């Protein structure tokens, strides 16, 4: 007599698995936050200025520059100076949103050098800094050229 065999029906096994898989996937995505961050939505890190440019006639500017404010993201903010020989920052870190740093120029010419700002979540933005020497367009008299004197009229009426 033949032995009875058990046959499984593929529909019965795949139906519970098919119903469970989307729920498990949804639970997994929810557990990791679903792609945002701890603050909720993705908050953009911004600066009060995207570019700073100073000029001086006949030389590159040395002295105090503008104050740049940091907004958004997640504090504290870390500052990275790409040209420390050409500019100094009032601090290496800004602790609060709405806080600021000031640029001090050292008299070195530069074009579009970034100061990079990153927040606690790793978001990055930057301000491009330029220090440009303008040509002196005033003319100074050549000492070898005779300077005309005032002529007076003689004779006549």
N, C-alpha and C. Protein backbone atom coordinates (compact mmCIF):
# COMPACT_ATOMS: atom_id res chain seq x y z
N UNK A 1 0.82 -1.16 0.00
CA UNK A 1 0.00 0.00 0.00
C UNK A 1 0.88 1.24 0.00
N UNK A 2 0.54 2.20 -0.81
CA UNK A 2 1.39 3.40 -0.89
C UNK A 2 1.24 4.25 0.37
N UNK A 3 2.37 4.87 0.72
CA UNK A 3 2.39 5.74 1.88
C UNK A 3 1.72 7.05 1.53
N UNK A 4 0.95 7.57 2.46
CA UNK A 4 0.33 8.85 2.18
C UNK A 4 1.39 9.95 2.23
N UNK A 5 1.32 10.88 1.35
CA UNK A 5 2.25 12.03 1.32
C UNK A 5 1.48 13.30 1.62
N UNK A 6 2.22 14.21 2.26
CA UNK A 6 1.59 15.50 2.56
C UNK A 6 2.03 16.49 1.52
N UNK A 7 1.11 17.15 1.01
CA UNK A 7 1.41 18.19 0.03
C UNK A 7 1.06 19.53 0.66
N UNK A 8 1.96 20.46 0.48
CA UNK A 8 1.65 21.80 0.97
C UNK A 8 1.11 22.62 -0.18
N UNK A 9 0.24 23.46 0.16
CA UNK A 9 -0.38 24.31 -0.84
C UNK A 9 0.35 25.65 -0.83
N UNK A 10 0.99 26.07 -1.93
CA UNK A 10 1.78 27.30 -1.95
C UNK A 10 0.97 28.54 -1.61
N UNK A 11 -0.28 28.56 -1.92
CA UNK A 11 -1.11 29.73 -1.66
C UNK A 11 -1.30 29.95 -0.17
N UNK A 12 -1.44 28.90 0.58
CA UNK A 12 -1.66 29.03 2.00
C UNK A 12 -0.43 29.60 2.71
N UNK A 13 0.77 29.24 2.29
CA UNK A 13 1.99 29.73 2.92
C UNK A 13 2.33 31.15 2.45
N UNK A 14 2.12 31.47 1.22
CA UNK A 14 2.53 32.77 0.70
C UNK A 14 1.57 33.89 1.10
N UNK A 15 0.31 33.56 1.36
CA UNK A 15 -0.65 34.59 1.74
C UNK A 15 -0.28 35.25 3.07
N UNK A 16 0.04 34.53 4.13
CA UNK A 16 0.44 35.19 5.37
C UNK A 16 1.76 35.96 5.20
N UNK A 17 2.67 35.39 4.44
CA UNK A 17 3.96 36.06 4.22
C UNK A 17 3.75 37.35 3.43
N UNK A 18 2.92 37.33 2.44
CA UNK A 18 2.64 38.52 1.62
C UNK A 18 1.98 39.60 2.45
N UNK A 19 1.17 39.26 3.41
CA UNK A 19 0.50 40.24 4.26
C UNK A 19 1.44 40.77 5.33
N UNK A 20 2.36 39.94 5.79
CA UNK A 20 3.27 40.33 6.87
C UNK A 20 4.44 41.17 6.38
N UNK A 21 4.93 40.94 5.19
CA UNK A 21 6.11 41.63 4.67
C UNK A 21 5.94 43.15 4.62
N UNK A 22 4.87 43.71 4.06
CA UNK A 22 4.72 45.17 4.04
C UNK A 22 4.65 45.77 5.45
N UNK A 23 4.01 45.09 6.38
CA UNK A 23 3.91 45.58 7.75
C UNK A 23 5.29 45.60 8.40
N UNK A 24 6.07 44.55 8.18
CA UNK A 24 7.42 44.48 8.74
C UNK A 24 8.30 45.58 8.15
N UNK A 25 8.19 45.80 6.86
CA UNK A 25 8.98 46.85 6.20
C UNK A 25 8.59 48.23 6.72
N UNK A 26 7.33 48.48 6.90
CA UNK A 26 6.85 49.75 7.45
C UNK A 26 7.37 49.95 8.87
N UNK A 27 7.36 48.91 9.68
CA UNK A 27 7.86 49.00 11.05
C UNK A 27 9.36 49.29 11.06
N UNK A 28 10.10 48.67 10.16
CA UNK A 28 11.54 48.89 10.06
C UNK A 28 11.84 50.34 9.68
N UNK A 29 11.16 50.88 8.69
CA UNK A 29 11.37 52.27 8.28
C UNK A 29 10.95 53.24 9.37
N UNK A 30 9.89 52.94 10.09
CA UNK A 30 9.45 53.82 11.17
C UNK A 30 10.45 53.83 12.31
N UNK A 31 11.07 52.71 12.58
CA UNK A 31 12.04 52.61 13.67
C UNK A 31 13.27 53.45 13.40
N UNK A 32 13.66 53.61 12.13
CA UNK A 32 14.85 54.39 11.83
C UNK A 32 14.50 55.84 11.53
N UNK A 33 13.27 56.23 11.73
CA UNK A 33 12.89 57.62 11.54
C UNK A 33 12.34 57.93 10.17
N UNK A 34 12.38 57.00 9.26
CA UNK A 34 11.80 57.21 7.96
C UNK A 34 12.57 58.16 7.07
N UNK A 35 13.80 58.54 7.43
CA UNK A 35 14.62 59.34 6.54
C UNK A 35 14.83 60.76 6.99
N UNK A 36 14.15 61.26 8.00
CA UNK A 36 14.38 62.62 8.48
C UNK A 36 15.51 62.64 9.49
N UNK A 37 15.46 63.60 10.43
CA UNK A 37 16.43 63.62 11.51
C UNK A 37 15.70 63.81 12.81
N UNK A 38 16.44 63.89 13.92
CA UNK A 38 15.81 63.99 15.23
C UNK A 38 14.98 65.26 15.39
N UNK A 39 15.27 66.27 14.61
CA UNK A 39 14.53 67.53 14.70
C UNK A 39 13.20 67.48 13.98
N UNK A 40 12.95 66.40 13.26
CA UNK A 40 11.74 66.32 12.45
C UNK A 40 12.15 66.45 11.00
N UNK A 41 11.63 67.45 10.30
CA UNK A 41 11.96 67.66 8.90
C UNK A 41 13.38 68.16 8.73
N UNK A 42 13.86 68.14 7.51
CA UNK A 42 15.19 68.60 7.19
C UNK A 42 15.22 70.12 7.23
N UNK A 43 15.89 70.70 8.23
CA UNK A 43 15.97 72.14 8.38
C UNK A 43 17.26 72.63 7.73
N UNK A 44 17.14 73.55 6.81
CA UNK A 44 18.28 74.04 6.05
C UNK A 44 19.19 74.92 6.90
N UNK A 45 20.47 74.71 6.76
CA UNK A 45 21.49 75.53 7.41
C UNK A 45 21.78 76.71 6.50
N UNK A 46 21.61 77.94 7.01
CA UNK A 46 21.82 79.12 6.17
C UNK A 46 22.68 80.16 6.89
N UNK A 47 23.29 81.02 6.10
CA UNK A 47 24.09 82.13 6.60
C UNK A 47 23.46 83.44 6.14
N UNK A 48 23.73 84.52 6.87
CA UNK A 48 23.14 85.81 6.51
C UNK A 48 23.69 86.33 5.19
N UNK A 49 24.86 85.88 4.79
CA UNK A 49 25.46 86.28 3.52
C UNK A 49 26.06 85.05 2.84
N UNK A 50 25.98 85.02 1.53
CA UNK A 50 26.62 83.92 0.80
C UNK A 50 27.97 84.35 0.23
N UNK A 51 28.17 85.66 0.11
CA UNK A 51 29.43 86.21 -0.38
C UNK A 51 29.78 87.47 0.38
N UNK A 52 31.08 87.66 0.62
CA UNK A 52 31.59 88.87 1.26
C UNK A 52 32.75 89.34 0.40
N UNK A 53 32.76 90.62 0.07
CA UNK A 53 33.85 91.18 -0.72
C UNK A 53 34.25 92.53 -0.15
N UNK A 54 35.54 92.72 0.06
CA UNK A 54 36.07 94.01 0.50
C UNK A 54 37.13 94.44 -0.50
N UNK A 55 37.31 95.74 -0.61
CA UNK A 55 38.32 96.28 -1.52
C UNK A 55 39.07 97.42 -0.84
N UNK A 56 40.25 97.68 -1.34
CA UNK A 56 41.04 98.83 -0.91
C UNK A 56 41.82 99.31 -2.13
N UNK A 57 42.13 100.58 -2.16
CA UNK A 57 42.84 101.14 -3.31
C UNK A 57 44.34 100.99 -3.09
N UNK A 58 44.99 100.37 -4.05
CA UNK A 58 46.43 100.21 -4.04
C UNK A 58 46.96 99.11 -3.14
N UNK A 59 46.13 98.47 -2.38
CA UNK A 59 46.54 97.38 -1.48
C UNK A 59 45.31 96.53 -1.16
N UNK A 60 45.53 95.39 -0.56
CA UNK A 60 44.40 94.59 -0.09
C UNK A 60 44.06 95.02 1.33
N UNK A 61 42.78 94.98 1.65
CA UNK A 61 42.26 95.50 2.90
C UNK A 61 42.76 94.71 4.11
N UNK A 62 43.13 95.44 5.16
CA UNK A 62 43.46 94.84 6.45
C UNK A 62 42.59 95.53 7.49
N UNK A 63 41.87 94.76 8.27
CA UNK A 63 41.01 95.33 9.30
C UNK A 63 39.78 94.49 9.52
N UNK A 64 38.89 95.01 10.34
CA UNK A 64 37.68 94.30 10.70
C UNK A 64 36.72 94.23 9.51
N UNK A 65 36.13 93.06 9.33
CA UNK A 65 35.18 92.85 8.25
C UNK A 65 33.78 92.68 8.79
N UNK A 66 32.90 92.13 7.97
CA UNK A 66 31.50 91.99 8.36
C UNK A 66 31.26 90.87 9.36
N UNK A 67 30.11 90.93 9.98
CA UNK A 67 29.63 89.89 10.88
C UNK A 67 28.67 89.01 10.09
N UNK A 68 28.84 87.70 10.19
CA UNK A 68 28.01 86.74 9.47
C UNK A 68 27.20 85.97 10.51
N UNK A 69 25.87 85.89 10.29
CA UNK A 69 24.96 85.20 11.22
C UNK A 69 24.61 83.82 10.68
N UNK A 70 24.45 82.85 11.59
CA UNK A 70 24.15 81.46 11.24
C UNK A 70 22.74 81.13 11.72
N UNK A 71 21.93 80.51 10.83
CA UNK A 71 20.55 80.15 11.16
C UNK A 71 20.25 78.72 10.71
N UNK A 72 19.29 78.09 11.39
CA UNK A 72 18.79 76.78 10.97
C UNK A 72 19.72 75.66 11.41
N UNK A 73 19.50 74.49 10.80
CA UNK A 73 20.31 73.34 11.16
C UNK A 73 20.19 73.00 12.63
N UNK A 74 21.24 72.40 13.16
CA UNK A 74 21.25 72.03 14.57
C UNK A 74 22.57 72.48 15.20
N UNK A 75 22.51 73.46 16.12
CA UNK A 75 23.74 73.93 16.77
C UNK A 75 24.35 72.83 17.63
N UNK A 76 25.61 72.93 17.96
CA UNK A 76 26.53 74.04 17.66
C UNK A 76 27.05 73.93 16.23
N UNK A 77 27.57 75.06 15.74
CA UNK A 77 28.10 75.15 14.39
C UNK A 77 29.63 75.27 14.46
N UNK A 78 30.31 74.52 13.63
CA UNK A 78 31.77 74.56 13.58
C UNK A 78 32.20 75.33 12.34
N UNK A 79 33.17 76.23 12.50
CA UNK A 79 33.66 77.07 11.40
C UNK A 79 35.01 76.57 10.92
N UNK A 80 35.20 76.55 9.59
CA UNK A 80 36.46 76.14 8.98
C UNK A 80 36.96 77.27 8.09
N UNK A 81 38.10 77.83 8.42
CA UNK A 81 38.70 78.93 7.68
C UNK A 81 39.66 78.35 6.64
N UNK A 82 39.40 78.59 5.36
CA UNK A 82 40.22 78.01 4.30
C UNK A 82 41.53 78.77 4.07
N UNK A 83 41.66 79.99 4.60
CA UNK A 83 42.88 80.77 4.40
C UNK A 83 43.24 81.53 5.68
N UNK A 84 43.74 80.82 6.69
CA UNK A 84 44.05 81.49 7.96
C UNK A 84 45.14 82.56 7.85
N UNK A 85 45.99 82.49 6.83
CA UNK A 85 47.00 83.54 6.64
C UNK A 85 46.38 84.83 6.10
N UNK A 86 45.20 84.73 5.52
CA UNK A 86 44.56 85.90 4.91
C UNK A 86 43.40 86.48 5.71
N UNK A 87 42.83 85.67 6.60
CA UNK A 87 41.70 86.16 7.40
C UNK A 87 41.62 85.36 8.69
N UNK A 88 41.09 86.00 9.70
CA UNK A 88 40.87 85.35 10.99
C UNK A 88 39.38 85.42 11.31
N UNK A 89 38.90 84.46 12.08
CA UNK A 89 37.50 84.44 12.51
C UNK A 89 37.45 84.72 14.00
N UNK A 90 36.40 85.42 14.43
CA UNK A 90 36.28 85.79 15.84
C UNK A 90 36.13 84.58 16.75
N UNK A 91 35.70 83.44 16.20
CA UNK A 91 35.61 82.21 16.98
C UNK A 91 35.65 81.02 16.04
N UNK A 92 35.90 79.85 16.59
CA UNK A 92 35.93 78.62 15.79
C UNK A 92 34.58 77.90 15.83
N UNK A 93 33.67 78.38 16.69
CA UNK A 93 32.37 77.74 16.84
C UNK A 93 31.31 78.78 17.20
N UNK A 94 30.11 78.56 16.69
CA UNK A 94 28.94 79.37 17.05
C UNK A 94 27.99 78.43 17.78
N UNK A 95 27.57 78.81 18.99
CA UNK A 95 26.82 77.87 19.82
C UNK A 95 25.32 77.86 19.60
N UNK A 96 24.73 78.96 19.08
CA UNK A 96 23.28 79.03 18.94
C UNK A 96 22.85 79.51 17.56
N UNK A 97 21.66 79.08 17.14
CA UNK A 97 21.08 79.61 15.91
C UNK A 97 20.83 81.10 16.11
N UNK A 98 21.22 81.89 15.14
CA UNK A 98 21.13 83.34 15.26
C UNK A 98 22.42 83.95 15.78
N UNK A 99 23.37 83.08 16.19
CA UNK A 99 24.68 83.54 16.64
C UNK A 99 25.51 83.97 15.43
N UNK A 100 26.69 84.53 15.70
CA UNK A 100 27.47 85.08 14.60
C UNK A 100 28.97 84.93 14.82
N UNK A 101 29.71 85.24 13.75
CA UNK A 101 31.16 85.36 13.81
C UNK A 101 31.55 86.54 12.93
N UNK A 102 32.69 87.14 13.25
CA UNK A 102 33.18 88.30 12.50
C UNK A 102 34.47 87.92 11.80
N UNK A 103 34.63 88.44 10.58
CA UNK A 103 35.83 88.18 9.79
C UNK A 103 36.81 89.34 10.00
N UNK A 104 38.07 89.01 10.25
CA UNK A 104 39.14 90.00 10.38
C UNK A 104 40.09 89.76 9.21
N UNK A 105 40.29 90.80 8.38
CA UNK A 105 41.17 90.67 7.21
C UNK A 105 42.60 91.04 7.57
N UNK A 106 43.56 90.30 6.97
CA UNK A 106 44.97 90.48 7.30
C UNK A 106 45.77 91.14 6.18
N UNK A 107 45.10 91.75 5.20
CA UNK A 107 45.80 92.44 4.13
C UNK A 107 46.29 91.54 3.01
N UNK A 108 45.75 90.33 2.92
CA UNK A 108 46.12 89.37 1.87
C UNK A 108 45.02 89.35 0.81
N UNK A 109 45.40 89.50 -0.44
CA UNK A 109 44.41 89.45 -1.53
C UNK A 109 43.91 88.02 -1.69
N UNK A 110 42.63 87.87 -1.97
CA UNK A 110 42.03 86.55 -2.18
C UNK A 110 40.75 86.70 -2.99
N UNK A 111 40.38 85.64 -3.65
CA UNK A 111 39.14 85.65 -4.44
C UNK A 111 38.36 84.38 -4.14
N UNK A 112 37.15 84.55 -3.65
CA UNK A 112 36.20 83.46 -3.40
C UNK A 112 36.75 82.33 -2.53
N UNK A 113 37.39 82.69 -1.44
CA UNK A 113 37.88 81.69 -0.48
C UNK A 113 36.75 81.36 0.49
N UNK A 114 36.42 80.08 0.67
CA UNK A 114 35.27 79.73 1.52
C UNK A 114 35.58 79.70 3.01
N UNK A 115 34.60 80.13 3.78
CA UNK A 115 34.52 79.82 5.19
C UNK A 115 33.37 78.82 5.27
N UNK A 116 33.67 77.60 5.67
CA UNK A 116 32.66 76.54 5.70
C UNK A 116 32.09 76.42 7.10
N UNK A 117 30.78 76.26 7.17
CA UNK A 117 30.07 76.11 8.44
C UNK A 117 29.35 74.78 8.41
N UNK A 118 29.55 73.96 9.45
CA UNK A 118 28.81 72.69 9.54
C UNK A 118 28.07 72.65 10.87
N UNK A 119 26.89 72.02 10.84
CA UNK A 119 26.10 71.91 12.07
C UNK A 119 26.34 70.55 12.72
N UNK A 120 25.65 70.31 13.82
CA UNK A 120 25.81 69.08 14.60
C UNK A 120 25.35 67.84 13.83
N UNK A 121 24.53 68.01 12.81
CA UNK A 121 24.04 66.89 12.01
C UNK A 121 24.90 66.65 10.77
N UNK A 122 25.95 67.48 10.57
CA UNK A 122 26.83 67.31 9.42
C UNK A 122 26.40 68.09 8.19
N UNK A 123 25.37 68.90 8.29
CA UNK A 123 24.96 69.73 7.15
C UNK A 123 26.00 70.84 6.98
N UNK A 124 26.25 71.22 5.73
CA UNK A 124 27.33 72.17 5.43
C UNK A 124 26.82 73.30 4.54
N UNK A 125 27.31 74.51 4.83
CA UNK A 125 27.10 75.66 3.96
C UNK A 125 28.36 76.50 4.03
N UNK A 126 28.47 77.52 3.18
CA UNK A 126 29.68 78.34 3.22
C UNK A 126 29.40 79.76 2.74
N UNK A 127 30.32 80.64 3.11
CA UNK A 127 30.32 82.02 2.63
C UNK A 127 31.63 82.19 1.88
N UNK A 128 31.57 82.77 0.67
CA UNK A 128 32.77 82.98 -0.14
C UNK A 128 33.31 84.38 0.15
N UNK A 129 34.61 84.46 0.44
CA UNK A 129 35.22 85.72 0.86
C UNK A 129 36.26 86.17 -0.16
N UNK A 130 36.18 87.45 -0.54
CA UNK A 130 37.14 88.04 -1.47
C UNK A 130 37.71 89.32 -0.87
N UNK A 131 38.99 89.55 -1.08
CA UNK A 131 39.68 90.77 -0.67
C UNK A 131 40.45 91.23 -1.90
N UNK A 132 39.97 92.29 -2.53
CA UNK A 132 40.47 92.69 -3.84
C UNK A 132 41.12 94.06 -3.79
N UNK A 133 42.29 94.16 -4.42
CA UNK A 133 42.99 95.43 -4.51
C UNK A 133 42.50 96.15 -5.76
N UNK A 134 42.04 97.36 -5.57
CA UNK A 134 41.63 98.19 -6.71
C UNK A 134 42.80 99.07 -7.12
N UNK A 135 42.87 99.34 -8.41
CA UNK A 135 43.93 100.20 -8.91
C UNK A 135 43.65 101.64 -8.52
N UNK A 136 44.73 102.37 -8.26
CA UNK A 136 44.62 103.78 -7.97
C UNK A 136 44.42 104.51 -9.29
N UNK A 137 43.27 105.10 -9.48
CA UNK A 137 42.95 105.76 -10.75
C UNK A 137 43.22 107.26 -10.71
N UNK A 138 43.66 107.75 -9.58
CA UNK A 138 43.99 109.18 -9.54
C UNK A 138 45.34 109.38 -10.22
N UNK A 139 45.47 110.50 -10.90
CA UNK A 139 46.73 110.77 -11.58
C UNK A 139 47.54 111.77 -10.77
N UNK A 140 48.80 111.47 -10.64
CA UNK A 140 49.70 112.41 -9.97
C UNK A 140 50.54 113.07 -11.04
N UNK A 141 50.80 114.35 -10.90
CA UNK A 141 51.56 115.04 -11.95
C UNK A 141 53.00 114.52 -12.03
N UNK A 142 53.48 114.43 -13.24
CA UNK A 142 54.86 114.02 -13.49
C UNK A 142 55.76 115.21 -13.15
N UNK A 143 56.74 115.02 -12.25
CA UNK A 143 57.56 116.15 -11.84
C UNK A 143 58.43 116.72 -12.97
N UNK A 144 58.60 115.96 -14.05
CA UNK A 144 59.43 116.48 -15.15
C UNK A 144 58.62 117.28 -16.15
N UNK A 145 57.32 117.25 -16.05
CA UNK A 145 56.47 118.01 -16.96
C UNK A 145 56.24 119.40 -16.38
N UNK A 146 56.51 120.44 -17.19
CA UNK A 146 56.27 121.80 -16.68
C UNK A 146 54.79 122.04 -16.43
N UNK A 147 54.51 122.70 -15.34
CA UNK A 147 53.15 123.02 -14.96
C UNK A 147 52.84 124.40 -15.51
N UNK A 148 51.73 124.53 -16.25
CA UNK A 148 51.41 125.87 -16.80
C UNK A 148 51.11 126.85 -15.67
N UNK A 149 51.54 128.06 -15.86
CA UNK A 149 51.27 129.12 -14.89
C UNK A 149 50.14 129.96 -15.40
N UNK A 150 49.59 130.76 -14.52
CA UNK A 150 48.48 131.63 -14.90
C UNK A 150 49.04 132.74 -15.78
N UNK A 151 48.43 132.95 -16.91
CA UNK A 151 48.87 134.01 -17.82
C UNK A 151 48.04 135.25 -17.54
N UNK A 152 48.71 136.37 -17.54
CA UNK A 152 47.97 137.62 -17.38
C UNK A 152 48.06 138.39 -18.68
N UNK A 153 47.11 139.16 -18.93
CA UNK A 153 47.02 139.92 -20.16
C UNK A 153 47.75 141.24 -19.97
N UNK A 154 48.60 141.53 -20.87
CA UNK A 154 49.31 142.80 -20.79
C UNK A 154 48.88 143.70 -21.92
N UNK A 155 48.90 144.95 -21.61
CA UNK A 155 48.53 145.92 -22.66
C UNK A 155 47.05 145.89 -22.93
N UNK A 156 46.68 146.52 -23.94
CA UNK A 156 45.29 146.52 -24.33
C UNK A 156 44.43 147.34 -23.40
N UNK A 157 43.26 147.21 -23.51
CA UNK A 157 42.34 148.05 -22.79
C UNK A 157 42.21 147.69 -21.40
